[in-house]
N, C-alpha and C. Protein backbone atom coordinates (compact mmCIF):
# COMPACT_ATOMS: atom_id res chain seq x y z
N UNK A 1 88.16 9.68 36.19
CA UNK A 1 87.37 9.27 37.47
C UNK A 1 85.60 9.26 37.74
N UNK A 2 85.49 8.12 38.02
CA UNK A 2 84.20 8.44 38.37
C UNK A 2 83.95 8.56 39.78
N UNK A 3 82.35 9.43 40.16
CA UNK A 3 82.14 9.62 41.10
C UNK A 3 80.46 8.90 41.08
N UNK A 4 80.31 8.79 42.56
CA UNK A 4 78.39 8.19 42.99
C UNK A 4 77.50 9.51 42.57
N UNK A 5 76.86 8.59 41.86
CA UNK A 5 75.45 10.22 41.68
C UNK A 5 74.30 9.05 43.13
N UNK A 6 73.60 9.88 43.37
CA UNK A 6 72.07 9.82 44.57
C UNK A 6 71.32 10.45 43.54
N UNK A 7 69.71 10.19 44.08
CA UNK A 7 68.91 10.69 44.06
C UNK A 7 69.05 11.97 45.24
N UNK A 8 67.05 12.05 45.44
CA UNK A 8 67.03 13.44 46.30
C UNK A 8 66.49 12.38 47.02
N UNK A 9 66.57 11.66 46.91
CA UNK A 9 65.45 10.31 48.21
C UNK A 9 66.76 9.72 48.83
N UNK A 10 68.21 9.73 48.23
CA UNK A 10 68.99 8.86 48.83
C UNK A 10 69.49 7.49 48.46
N UNK A 11 68.97 7.00 47.22
CA UNK A 11 68.87 6.04 46.61
C UNK A 11 70.53 6.44 45.25
N UNK A 12 70.70 5.67 44.83
CA UNK A 12 72.45 5.27 44.12
C UNK A 12 71.62 5.29 42.67
N UNK A 13 72.10 6.08 42.01
CA UNK A 13 71.51 5.94 40.67
C UNK A 13 72.76 5.67 39.96
N UNK A 14 73.81 5.62 40.01
CA UNK A 14 75.04 5.17 39.08
C UNK A 14 76.09 5.77 39.30
N UNK A 15 77.31 5.67 38.29
CA UNK A 15 78.26 6.68 38.66
C UNK A 15 78.34 7.53 37.50
N UNK A 16 79.00 8.72 37.05
CA UNK A 16 79.05 9.74 36.29
C UNK A 16 80.75 10.13 36.53
N UNK A 17 81.21 10.25 35.33
CA UNK A 17 82.42 10.35 35.01
C UNK A 17 82.74 12.14 35.40
N UNK A 18 83.83 12.21 35.62
CA UNK A 18 84.16 13.99 35.68
C UNK A 18 85.93 13.67 35.40
N UNK A 19 85.90 15.17 35.48
CA UNK A 19 87.33 15.15 35.13
C UNK A 19 88.04 15.32 34.95
N UNK A 20 89.42 14.34 35.39
CA UNK A 20 90.99 13.84 35.44
C UNK A 20 91.72 15.13 35.76
N UNK A 21 91.58 16.00 34.70
CA UNK A 21 91.93 17.17 34.97
C UNK A 21 92.10 18.20 36.22
N UNK A 22 91.13 17.58 36.33
CA UNK A 22 90.23 18.67 37.88
C UNK A 22 90.00 17.52 38.95
N UNK A 23 89.54 16.77 39.17
CA UNK A 23 89.52 15.74 40.30
C UNK A 23 91.07 14.59 40.16
N UNK A 24 91.82 14.46 39.58
CA UNK A 24 92.42 13.36 39.45
C UNK A 24 93.82 13.92 39.39
N UNK A 25 94.41 15.31 39.74
CA UNK A 25 95.88 15.93 39.92
C UNK A 25 96.26 15.71 40.22
N UNK A 26 97.56 15.54 41.06
CA UNK A 26 99.10 15.37 41.51
C UNK A 26 98.91 16.17 43.03
N UNK A 27 98.33 15.82 43.65
CA UNK A 27 97.79 17.58 44.48
C UNK A 27 99.64 17.75 45.29
N UNK A 28 98.78 19.34 45.47
CA UNK A 28 100.55 20.11 45.82
C UNK A 28 99.61 21.12 46.89
N UNK A 29 100.22 20.35 48.52
CA UNK A 29 99.40 20.76 49.59
C UNK A 29 99.84 22.07 49.78
N UNK A 30 101.45 23.10 49.11
CA UNK A 30 102.14 23.90 49.52
C UNK A 30 100.82 24.79 49.04
N UNK A 31 100.82 24.50 47.43
CA UNK A 31 99.52 25.57 47.08
C UNK A 31 98.47 25.74 47.87
N UNK A 32 97.81 24.62 47.78
CA UNK A 32 96.53 24.73 49.09
C UNK A 32 97.08 25.70 50.75
N UNK A 33 98.02 25.37 51.22
CA UNK A 33 98.01 25.97 51.95
C UNK A 33 98.01 28.09 51.73
N UNK A 34 99.53 27.98 50.77
CA UNK A 34 99.20 29.29 49.94
C UNK A 34 98.10 29.96 50.11
N UNK A 35 97.24 29.18 49.19
CA UNK A 35 95.81 29.60 48.81
C UNK A 35 94.66 30.20 50.30
N UNK A 36 94.80 29.05 50.83
CA UNK A 36 93.88 29.17 51.94
C UNK A 36 94.37 30.57 52.86
N UNK A 37 95.71 30.86 53.26
CA UNK A 37 96.52 31.64 53.53
C UNK A 37 95.81 33.19 52.87
N UNK A 38 95.59 33.30 51.80
CA UNK A 38 95.31 34.31 50.94
C UNK A 38 93.65 34.82 50.91
N UNK A 39 93.10 33.44 50.91
CA UNK A 39 92.19 33.72 51.06
C UNK A 39 91.43 34.64 52.39
N UNK A 40 92.00 33.83 54.03
CA UNK A 40 91.36 34.36 54.60
C UNK A 40 92.26 35.89 55.44
N UNK A 41 93.13 35.84 54.86
CA UNK A 41 93.66 37.40 54.95
C UNK A 41 93.36 38.63 53.87
N UNK A 42 92.32 38.01 52.95
CA UNK A 42 91.77 39.20 51.72
C UNK A 42 90.29 38.84 51.93
N UNK A 43 89.83 38.57 53.59
CA UNK A 43 88.75 38.92 54.01
C UNK A 43 89.19 39.27 55.36
N UNK A 44 90.41 39.49 55.74
CA UNK A 44 90.32 40.15 57.20
C UNK A 44 90.18 41.97 56.70
N UNK A 45 89.52 42.49 57.76
CA UNK A 45 89.41 43.80 57.88
C UNK A 45 90.13 44.84 59.08
N UNK A 46 90.57 45.73 58.17
CA UNK A 46 91.29 46.27 59.50
C UNK A 46 90.33 47.38 60.30
N UNK A 47 90.02 46.63 61.42
CA UNK A 47 88.77 47.61 61.99
C UNK A 47 89.05 48.15 62.84
N UNK A 48 90.31 47.55 63.90
CA UNK A 48 91.69 48.29 65.09
C UNK A 48 92.22 49.55 64.51
N UNK A 49 91.71 49.88 65.30
CA UNK A 49 92.22 51.31 64.88
C UNK A 49 92.31 52.90 66.38
N UNK A 50 94.18 53.08 66.45
CA UNK A 50 94.24 54.29 67.68
C UNK A 50 94.33 55.64 66.92
N UNK A 51 94.38 56.65 67.63
CA UNK A 51 94.34 58.52 67.63
C UNK A 51 95.98 58.41 67.87
N UNK A 52 96.58 59.48 66.70
CA UNK A 52 97.16 60.15 67.41
C UNK A 52 97.01 60.97 67.95
N UNK A 53 98.47 61.60 68.47
CA UNK A 53 97.92 62.96 69.40
C UNK A 53 97.53 64.07 68.14
N UNK A 54 97.65 63.98 67.16
CA UNK A 54 97.43 65.25 66.67
C UNK A 54 95.73 64.66 66.32
N UNK A 55 95.09 63.22 66.60
CA UNK A 55 94.19 63.12 66.37
C UNK A 55 92.53 63.06 67.22
N UNK A 56 93.30 63.29 68.32
CA UNK A 56 92.90 63.65 69.92
C UNK A 56 92.37 65.12 69.83
N UNK A 57 91.06 64.46 70.23
CA UNK A 57 90.34 66.06 69.85
C UNK A 57 90.47 66.96 71.79
N UNK A 58 90.21 67.87 71.60
CA UNK A 58 90.13 68.93 73.07
C UNK A 58 91.00 69.53 72.98
N UNK A 59 91.27 70.55 74.50
CA UNK A 59 91.77 71.94 74.22
C UNK A 59 93.26 72.04 73.87
N UNK A 60 93.45 72.65 73.73
CA UNK A 60 95.19 72.72 73.38
C UNK A 60 96.46 73.36 73.79
N UNK A 61 95.08 73.75 75.30
CA UNK A 61 95.94 75.28 76.11
C UNK A 61 97.61 74.31 76.98
N UNK A 62 98.64 75.26 76.98
CA UNK A 62 99.10 74.86 77.68
C UNK A 62 98.77 73.87 78.64
N UNK A 63 99.38 72.94 79.31
CA UNK A 63 99.20 71.85 81.06
C UNK A 63 99.85 72.74 82.25
N UNK A 64 100.61 73.17 81.94
CA UNK A 64 101.44 74.37 83.03
C UNK A 64 102.22 75.04 82.54
N UNK A 65 102.95 75.76 82.77
CA UNK A 65 103.72 77.65 82.91
C UNK A 65 105.29 76.24 82.55
N UNK A 66 105.83 77.08 81.12
CA UNK A 66 107.08 76.09 80.59
C UNK A 66 107.73 76.23 82.48
N UNK A 67 109.03 77.20 82.83
CA UNK A 67 109.23 77.20 83.89
C UNK A 67 109.09 77.11 85.15
N UNK A 68 109.23 77.05 86.49
CA UNK A 68 109.40 77.03 87.65
C UNK A 68 108.43 76.02 88.56
N UNK A 69 108.33 75.35 88.00
CA UNK A 69 107.37 74.03 88.61
C UNK A 69 108.26 72.64 89.16
N UNK A 70 109.49 72.75 88.20
CA UNK A 70 110.40 71.55 88.63
C UNK A 70 110.56 70.20 88.18
N UNK A 71 109.45 70.63 87.17
CA UNK A 71 109.56 69.04 85.71
C UNK A 71 109.56 69.81 84.23
N UNK A 72 109.03 68.54 84.02
CA UNK A 72 109.52 68.84 82.75
C UNK A 72 108.94 69.61 81.65
N UNK A 73 109.45 70.34 80.60
CA UNK A 73 108.37 71.21 79.34
C UNK A 73 107.20 70.36 78.77
N UNK A 74 105.85 70.86 79.14
CA UNK A 74 105.50 69.87 78.45
C UNK A 74 104.20 70.88 77.57
N UNK A 75 103.41 70.82 76.65
CA UNK A 75 103.01 71.67 76.12
C UNK A 75 101.44 71.22 76.05
N UNK A 76 101.44 69.93 75.42
CA UNK A 76 99.93 69.31 75.24
C UNK A 76 100.12 68.28 75.81
N UNK A 77 98.74 68.11 76.48
CA UNK A 77 98.45 66.74 77.63
C UNK A 77 97.96 65.36 76.81
N UNK A 78 97.94 66.10 75.45
CA UNK A 78 97.72 64.76 74.59
C UNK A 78 98.69 64.20 74.00
N UNK A 79 100.13 63.97 74.42
CA UNK A 79 101.27 63.65 74.15
C UNK A 79 100.61 61.77 74.68
N UNK A 80 101.74 61.13 74.12
CA UNK A 80 101.35 59.89 73.90
C UNK A 80 102.21 59.31 75.31
N UNK A 81 102.84 60.12 75.89
CA UNK A 81 103.40 59.36 77.74
C UNK A 81 102.19 59.87 78.77
N UNK A 82 101.47 60.53 78.36
CA UNK A 82 100.10 60.63 78.92
C UNK A 82 98.36 60.33 78.81
N UNK A 83 98.27 59.65 79.76
CA UNK A 83 96.81 58.68 80.31
C UNK A 83 95.85 60.18 78.69
N UNK A 84 95.51 59.08 78.20
CA UNK A 84 94.22 59.82 77.46
C UNK A 84 94.73 60.36 76.00
N UNK A 85 96.09 60.17 75.96
CA UNK A 85 96.78 61.28 74.85
C UNK A 85 96.72 59.98 73.47
N UNK A 86 97.29 60.38 72.70
CA UNK A 86 97.56 59.51 71.43
C UNK A 86 98.61 58.58 71.67
N UNK A 87 98.35 57.16 70.57
CA UNK A 87 99.23 56.29 71.11
C UNK A 87 100.14 56.64 69.43
N UNK A 88 101.58 55.35 69.80
CA UNK A 88 102.60 55.52 69.12
C UNK A 88 102.61 54.00 68.50
N UNK A 89 102.72 54.01 67.13
CA UNK A 89 102.38 52.97 66.62
C UNK A 89 101.61 51.82 66.73
N UNK A 90 100.28 52.52 67.19
CA UNK A 90 99.10 51.85 67.79
C UNK A 90 98.38 50.58 66.18
N UNK A 91 97.72 50.02 66.28
CA UNK A 91 96.73 50.03 64.98
C UNK A 91 96.27 50.86 64.39
N UNK A 92 96.23 50.66 63.16
CA UNK A 92 95.92 51.64 62.23
C UNK A 92 94.77 51.02 60.77
N UNK A 93 93.65 51.89 60.62
CA UNK A 93 92.25 50.93 59.78
C UNK A 93 92.88 51.53 58.64
N UNK A 94 93.74 51.85 58.13
CA UNK A 94 94.59 51.89 56.56
C UNK A 94 95.22 50.91 56.03
N UNK A 95 95.75 49.77 57.44
CA UNK A 95 96.29 48.83 56.65
C UNK A 95 95.91 47.82 55.76
N UNK A 96 96.57 47.27 55.24
CA UNK A 96 96.32 46.36 53.78
C UNK A 96 96.35 44.89 53.91
N UNK A 97 95.75 44.27 54.13
CA UNK A 97 95.97 42.88 54.72
C UNK A 97 96.24 41.72 53.79
N UNK A 98 95.60 42.04 52.48
CA UNK A 98 95.51 41.34 50.63
C UNK A 98 96.57 41.07 50.79
N UNK A 99 96.62 39.77 50.18
CA UNK A 99 97.83 38.44 49.05
C UNK A 99 97.18 38.60 47.96
N UNK A 100 98.76 39.00 47.01
CA UNK A 100 97.86 38.42 45.75
C UNK A 100 98.97 36.78 45.12
N UNK A 101 97.87 36.37 44.11
CA UNK A 101 98.23 34.84 44.21
C UNK A 101 97.80 34.78 42.68
N UNK A 102 98.98 34.05 41.78
CA UNK A 102 99.09 34.30 40.34
C UNK A 102 97.80 32.87 40.58
N UNK A 103 96.52 33.19 39.35
CA UNK A 103 95.11 32.10 39.22
C UNK A 103 95.78 31.08 38.85
N UNK A 104 97.10 30.88 38.09
CA UNK A 104 97.25 29.77 37.78
C UNK A 104 97.47 28.70 38.66
N UNK A 105 98.10 29.17 39.48
CA UNK A 105 98.38 28.94 41.35
C UNK A 105 96.89 28.78 41.72
N UNK A 106 95.76 29.24 41.32
CA UNK A 106 94.81 29.45 42.55
C UNK A 106 94.12 28.44 42.27
N UNK A 107 94.22 28.26 40.96
CA UNK A 107 93.31 26.97 40.26
C UNK A 107 94.16 25.62 40.33
N UNK A 108 95.20 25.31 40.25
CA UNK A 108 95.78 24.20 41.04
C UNK A 108 95.54 24.12 42.38
N UNK A 109 95.68 24.90 43.21
CA UNK A 109 95.21 24.73 44.53
C UNK A 109 93.84 24.07 44.61
N UNK A 110 92.88 24.84 43.87
CA UNK A 110 91.49 24.32 43.93
C UNK A 110 90.89 22.85 43.57
N UNK A 111 92.02 23.01 42.13
CA UNK A 111 92.07 21.05 41.79
C UNK A 111 92.81 20.55 42.13
N UNK A 112 93.75 20.45 43.78
CA UNK A 112 94.64 19.68 44.52
C UNK A 112 93.36 19.05 45.35
N UNK A 113 92.70 20.26 46.07
CA UNK A 113 91.83 19.86 46.88
C UNK A 113 91.10 19.77 46.56
N UNK A 114 90.37 19.33 45.63
CA UNK A 114 89.28 19.22 45.00
C UNK A 114 89.42 17.29 44.46
N UNK A 115 91.21 16.89 44.24
CA UNK A 115 91.81 15.59 43.46
C UNK A 115 91.74 14.76 45.15
N UNK A 116 92.43 15.63 46.17
CA UNK A 116 92.38 15.16 47.64
C UNK A 116 91.32 14.31 48.12
N UNK A 117 89.57 15.33 47.80
CA UNK A 117 88.15 15.43 48.51
C UNK A 117 88.24 13.52 47.71
N UNK A 118 88.32 13.77 46.42
CA UNK A 118 88.32 12.82 45.78
C UNK A 118 88.73 11.48 45.37
N UNK A 119 90.12 11.36 45.89
CA UNK A 119 90.50 10.84 46.50
C UNK A 119 90.58 9.78 47.43
N UNK A 120 89.82 10.64 48.04
CA UNK A 120 89.19 9.96 49.53
C UNK A 120 87.52 9.37 49.52
N UNK A 121 86.99 9.80 48.40
CA UNK A 121 85.65 9.38 48.39
C UNK A 121 84.49 10.46 49.14
N UNK A 122 85.34 11.78 49.56
CA UNK A 122 84.18 12.49 49.59
C UNK A 122 83.60 13.13 49.01
N UNK A 123 83.55 13.11 47.46
CA UNK A 123 83.03 13.86 46.61
C UNK A 123 82.18 13.03 45.80
N UNK A 124 80.52 13.42 46.17
CA UNK A 124 79.76 13.00 45.47
C UNK A 124 78.88 13.23 44.17
N UNK A 125 77.38 13.01 44.09
CA UNK A 125 76.53 13.64 42.75
C UNK A 125 75.21 13.84 43.12
N UNK A 126 74.15 14.81 42.57
CA UNK A 126 73.64 14.87 43.12
C UNK A 126 72.63 14.72 42.04
N UNK A 127 71.73 14.29 41.36
CA UNK A 127 71.31 14.39 40.07
C UNK A 127 70.15 15.73 40.22
N UNK A 128 69.41 15.96 40.78
CA UNK A 128 68.94 17.34 41.25
C UNK A 128 67.93 17.63 42.44
N UNK A 129 67.69 19.02 42.77
CA UNK A 129 66.86 18.89 43.93
C UNK A 129 65.55 19.79 43.65
N UNK A 130 64.18 18.86 43.71
CA UNK A 130 63.20 19.81 43.42
C UNK A 130 61.92 19.72 44.33
N UNK A 131 61.45 20.66 44.64
CA UNK A 131 60.89 20.53 45.80
C UNK A 131 59.65 22.26 45.27
N UNK A 132 58.45 22.30 45.38
CA UNK A 132 57.08 23.28 44.96
C UNK A 132 57.80 24.64 45.62
N UNK A 133 58.47 24.60 46.93
CA UNK A 133 58.66 25.76 47.92
C UNK A 133 59.70 25.61 48.65
N UNK A 134 60.86 26.58 48.79
CA UNK A 134 61.80 26.73 49.82
C UNK A 134 61.63 25.96 51.00
N UNK A 135 61.93 24.90 51.56
CA UNK A 135 61.05 23.67 52.77
C UNK A 135 62.25 23.49 53.60
N UNK A 136 63.40 24.16 55.04
CA UNK A 136 64.42 23.41 55.85
C UNK A 136 63.63 22.10 55.79
N UNK A 137 62.74 21.41 56.36
CA UNK A 137 61.99 20.41 55.86
C UNK A 137 62.94 19.32 54.81
N UNK A 138 62.61 19.40 54.49
CA UNK A 138 63.09 18.71 52.65
C UNK A 138 64.03 18.46 52.53
N UNK A 139 65.18 20.18 52.62
CA UNK A 139 66.38 19.49 52.23
C UNK A 139 67.09 18.66 53.49
N UNK A 140 66.47 18.76 55.12
CA UNK A 140 67.03 18.40 56.12
C UNK A 140 66.70 16.87 56.29
N UNK A 141 66.08 16.19 55.04
CA UNK A 141 65.73 15.23 55.31
C UNK A 141 66.37 14.21 53.61
N UNK A 142 66.31 15.50 53.03
CA UNK A 142 67.57 15.07 51.50
C UNK A 142 68.78 14.33 52.35
N UNK A 143 69.46 15.63 53.25
CA UNK A 143 70.87 15.08 53.39
C UNK A 143 70.84 13.77 54.57
N UNK A 144 69.94 13.55 55.51
CA UNK A 144 69.87 12.68 55.95
C UNK A 144 69.90 11.56 55.26
N UNK A 145 69.73 11.16 54.78
CA UNK A 145 69.11 9.97 53.52
C UNK A 145 70.85 9.95 52.77
N UNK A 146 71.27 11.28 52.14
CA UNK A 146 72.48 11.02 52.00
C UNK A 146 73.69 10.51 52.29
N UNK A 147 74.75 9.64 52.23
CA UNK A 147 75.71 9.41 53.52
C UNK A 147 76.40 10.47 53.83
N UNK A 148 76.47 11.08 54.01
CA UNK A 148 77.33 12.17 54.72
C UNK A 148 76.96 13.06 56.29
N UNK A 149 78.24 13.94 56.87
CA UNK A 149 77.06 14.89 57.84
C UNK A 149 77.12 15.89 57.97
N UNK A 150 77.92 16.70 57.13
CA UNK A 150 78.59 18.17 56.51
C UNK A 150 78.37 17.94 55.13
N UNK A 151 77.84 19.12 54.63
CA UNK A 151 77.79 19.51 52.68
C UNK A 151 78.13 20.40 52.70
N UNK A 152 78.83 20.53 51.47
CA UNK A 152 78.79 21.57 50.95
C UNK A 152 78.07 21.38 49.38
N UNK A 153 76.90 21.79 48.82
CA UNK A 153 76.19 21.62 48.37
C UNK A 153 76.46 22.63 46.55
N UNK A 154 77.13 22.14 45.43
CA UNK A 154 77.69 22.95 44.67
C UNK A 154 76.98 23.16 43.39
N UNK A 155 76.30 24.02 42.97
CA UNK A 155 75.52 24.38 41.95
C UNK A 155 76.01 24.96 40.91
N UNK A 156 75.16 24.71 39.95
CA UNK A 156 75.50 25.23 38.26
C UNK A 156 75.19 26.42 38.05
N UNK A 157 74.04 27.22 38.97
CA UNK A 157 73.64 28.14 38.36
C UNK A 157 73.30 28.49 39.40
N UNK A 158 72.55 29.72 40.17
CA UNK A 158 72.48 30.11 41.46
C UNK A 158 70.59 29.26 41.21
N UNK A 159 70.50 28.75 43.19
CA UNK A 159 69.11 27.79 42.86
C UNK A 159 68.36 28.15 44.29
N UNK A 160 67.47 29.21 44.37
CA UNK A 160 67.02 30.28 45.34
C UNK A 160 66.26 28.80 46.24
N UNK A 161 65.96 27.99 45.40
CA UNK A 161 64.74 26.81 46.84
C UNK A 161 66.24 26.57 47.83
N UNK A 162 67.12 25.74 46.49
CA UNK A 162 68.32 25.26 47.33
C UNK A 162 68.56 25.87 48.46
N UNK A 163 69.61 27.40 47.90
CA UNK A 163 69.41 27.99 49.50
C UNK A 163 68.63 28.53 50.38
N UNK A 164 67.24 28.49 50.20
CA UNK A 164 67.01 28.96 51.11
C UNK A 164 66.54 27.88 52.11
N UNK A 165 66.05 26.62 51.67
CA UNK A 165 65.60 25.36 51.98
C UNK A 165 67.03 24.84 53.28
N UNK A 166 68.18 25.11 52.95
CA UNK A 166 70.14 24.71 53.29
C UNK A 166 69.55 25.79 54.22
N UNK A 167 70.09 27.49 54.14
CA UNK A 167 70.38 28.35 54.71
C UNK A 167 69.76 28.52 56.59
N UNK A 168 68.78 27.95 56.56
CA UNK A 168 69.26 27.01 58.76
C UNK A 168 69.62 26.00 58.94
N UNK A 169 70.15 25.30 58.18
CA UNK A 169 70.79 24.01 58.45
C UNK A 169 71.91 24.42 59.05
N UNK A 170 72.70 23.82 59.95
CA UNK A 170 74.11 24.53 60.43
C UNK A 170 75.16 23.06 59.70
N UNK A 171 74.72 22.13 59.47
CA UNK A 171 76.11 21.22 58.46
C UNK A 171 75.67 21.45 56.80
N UNK A 172 75.37 22.63 56.54
CA UNK A 172 75.27 22.12 55.43
C UNK A 172 75.53 24.13 54.58
N UNK A 173 75.85 23.59 53.64
CA UNK A 173 76.03 25.00 53.10
C UNK A 173 76.02 25.05 51.76
N UNK A 174 75.44 26.32 50.60
CA UNK A 174 75.23 26.14 49.42
C UNK A 174 75.87 26.98 48.65
N UNK A 175 76.80 26.73 47.19
CA UNK A 175 77.70 27.69 46.39
C UNK A 175 77.47 27.37 45.47
N UNK A 176 77.41 28.15 44.09
CA UNK A 176 78.14 28.04 42.88
C UNK A 176 79.34 27.89 42.51
N UNK A 177 79.40 26.87 41.45
CA UNK A 177 80.64 26.20 41.19
C UNK A 177 82.08 27.56 41.06
N UNK A 178 81.26 28.42 40.36
CA UNK A 178 81.94 29.02 40.12
C UNK A 178 82.92 29.92 41.42
N UNK A 179 82.05 30.22 42.75
CA UNK A 179 82.13 30.33 43.71
C UNK A 179 83.09 29.83 44.74
N UNK A 180 83.76 28.05 44.17
CA UNK A 180 84.46 26.92 45.01
C UNK A 180 85.21 27.80 45.54
N UNK A 181 85.78 27.47 46.41
CA UNK A 181 86.92 28.07 47.49
C UNK A 181 87.62 26.63 48.43
N UNK A 182 88.47 27.06 48.85
CA UNK A 182 89.50 25.54 49.98
C UNK A 182 89.23 26.07 50.76
N UNK A 183 88.42 26.99 51.85
CA UNK A 183 88.40 27.27 52.98
C UNK A 183 86.72 26.18 52.91
N UNK A 184 85.23 26.62 52.08
CA UNK A 184 85.19 25.78 52.33
C UNK A 184 84.79 24.14 51.82
N UNK A 185 86.20 23.76 50.77
CA UNK A 185 86.42 22.06 50.77
C UNK A 185 87.14 21.58 52.21
N UNK A 186 87.89 22.71 52.81
CA UNK A 186 88.38 22.09 53.78
C UNK A 186 87.37 21.77 54.83
N UNK A 187 86.45 22.75 55.16
CA UNK A 187 85.27 22.66 56.35
C UNK A 187 84.39 21.79 56.26
N UNK A 188 84.20 21.46 55.29
CA UNK A 188 82.69 20.03 55.24
C UNK A 188 83.47 19.20 54.77
N UNK A 189 83.07 18.15 55.03
CA UNK A 189 83.28 16.68 55.09
C UNK A 189 82.96 15.98 53.41
N UNK A 190 81.65 16.30 53.03
CA UNK A 190 81.24 15.89 51.43
C UNK A 190 81.18 17.03 50.61
N UNK A 191 81.16 16.67 49.22
CA UNK A 191 81.51 17.99 48.84
C UNK A 191 80.26 16.98 47.74
N UNK A 192 78.70 17.97 47.47
CA UNK A 192 78.09 16.95 46.92
C UNK A 192 77.90 18.06 45.49
N UNK A 193 78.33 17.77 44.04
CA UNK A 193 77.80 18.12 43.52
C UNK A 193 76.87 18.01 42.78
N UNK A 194 75.68 19.16 42.31
CA UNK A 194 74.16 18.59 41.37
C UNK A 194 75.10 18.37 40.40
N UNK A 195 74.17 17.82 39.31
CA UNK A 195 74.52 17.42 38.27
C UNK A 195 75.23 18.27 37.18
N UNK A 196 74.04 19.42 37.35
CA UNK A 196 74.23 20.88 36.45
C UNK A 196 75.65 21.63 36.90
N UNK A 197 75.97 21.15 38.15
CA UNK A 197 77.28 21.96 38.33
C UNK A 197 78.76 21.07 37.86
N UNK A 198 78.64 19.58 37.75
CA UNK A 198 79.55 18.83 37.04
C UNK A 198 79.70 19.59 35.50
N UNK A 199 78.32 19.66 35.06
CA UNK A 199 78.72 20.05 33.51
C UNK A 199 79.30 21.36 33.12
N UNK A 200 79.21 22.43 33.70
CA UNK A 200 79.14 23.43 34.35
C UNK A 200 81.26 23.64 34.55
N UNK A 201 81.53 22.72 35.80
CA UNK A 201 83.00 23.85 35.94
C UNK A 201 83.95 23.13 35.02
N UNK A 202 83.89 22.50 34.04
CA UNK A 202 84.92 22.51 32.84
C UNK A 202 84.92 23.59 32.64
N UNK A 203 83.87 24.05 32.00
CA UNK A 203 83.66 25.51 30.86
C UNK A 203 83.54 26.31 31.84
N UNK A 204 84.54 26.13 32.98
CA UNK A 204 84.35 27.35 33.91
C UNK A 204 86.13 27.24 34.06
N UNK A 205 86.88 26.56 34.72
CA UNK A 205 87.99 26.03 35.09
C UNK A 205 89.02 26.67 33.92
N UNK A 206 88.56 25.36 33.46
CA UNK A 206 89.95 24.84 32.24
C UNK A 206 89.62 25.57 30.77
N UNK A 207 88.36 26.58 30.77
CA UNK A 207 88.89 27.25 29.04
C UNK A 207 88.66 28.42 29.37
N UNK A 208 88.30 28.84 30.67
CA UNK A 208 88.39 30.63 30.63
C UNK A 208 89.65 30.73 31.38
């Protein structure tokens, strides 16, 4: 499969060959969904937390005498039936939401998502990003000249100049090729691979 390569000024430079084992596999939508659910679950934090009656602090004095009141017998004011008492079956911060998924399935899901994007012509290549100093204006101008609205820029190695130039743009994001994930591929309309990322993607996902 071939994808179109552009220059930083938005001009077409030609086409570049990409690996069919990554960009032209038969899509498995079930695995894409499973990988997305796993990714969202693994990023979830168990921050909600309630106290049991044993964790509520305060006096342990018996609230009223055992007999002669005409009411039921009670000892602790922190029973779950009283206001301000402990909670029964409330959310706890020890809950684990993480989900497991075999690496082969994760990679097939990623290849499936990339293949769908490539088939819909949502993947393009960029020969390089050059700037003397990180500037948002330079990145914004480049994105305006490229045929896209929202972009996921994929680099082979960490590109600090590109990251700082893009970080204030709401319609773009920069990641390295080894951090490709389903959520970002589905979120952005166009996936822009820098030339060094296309050279490294085979090394990372097909040989390791």
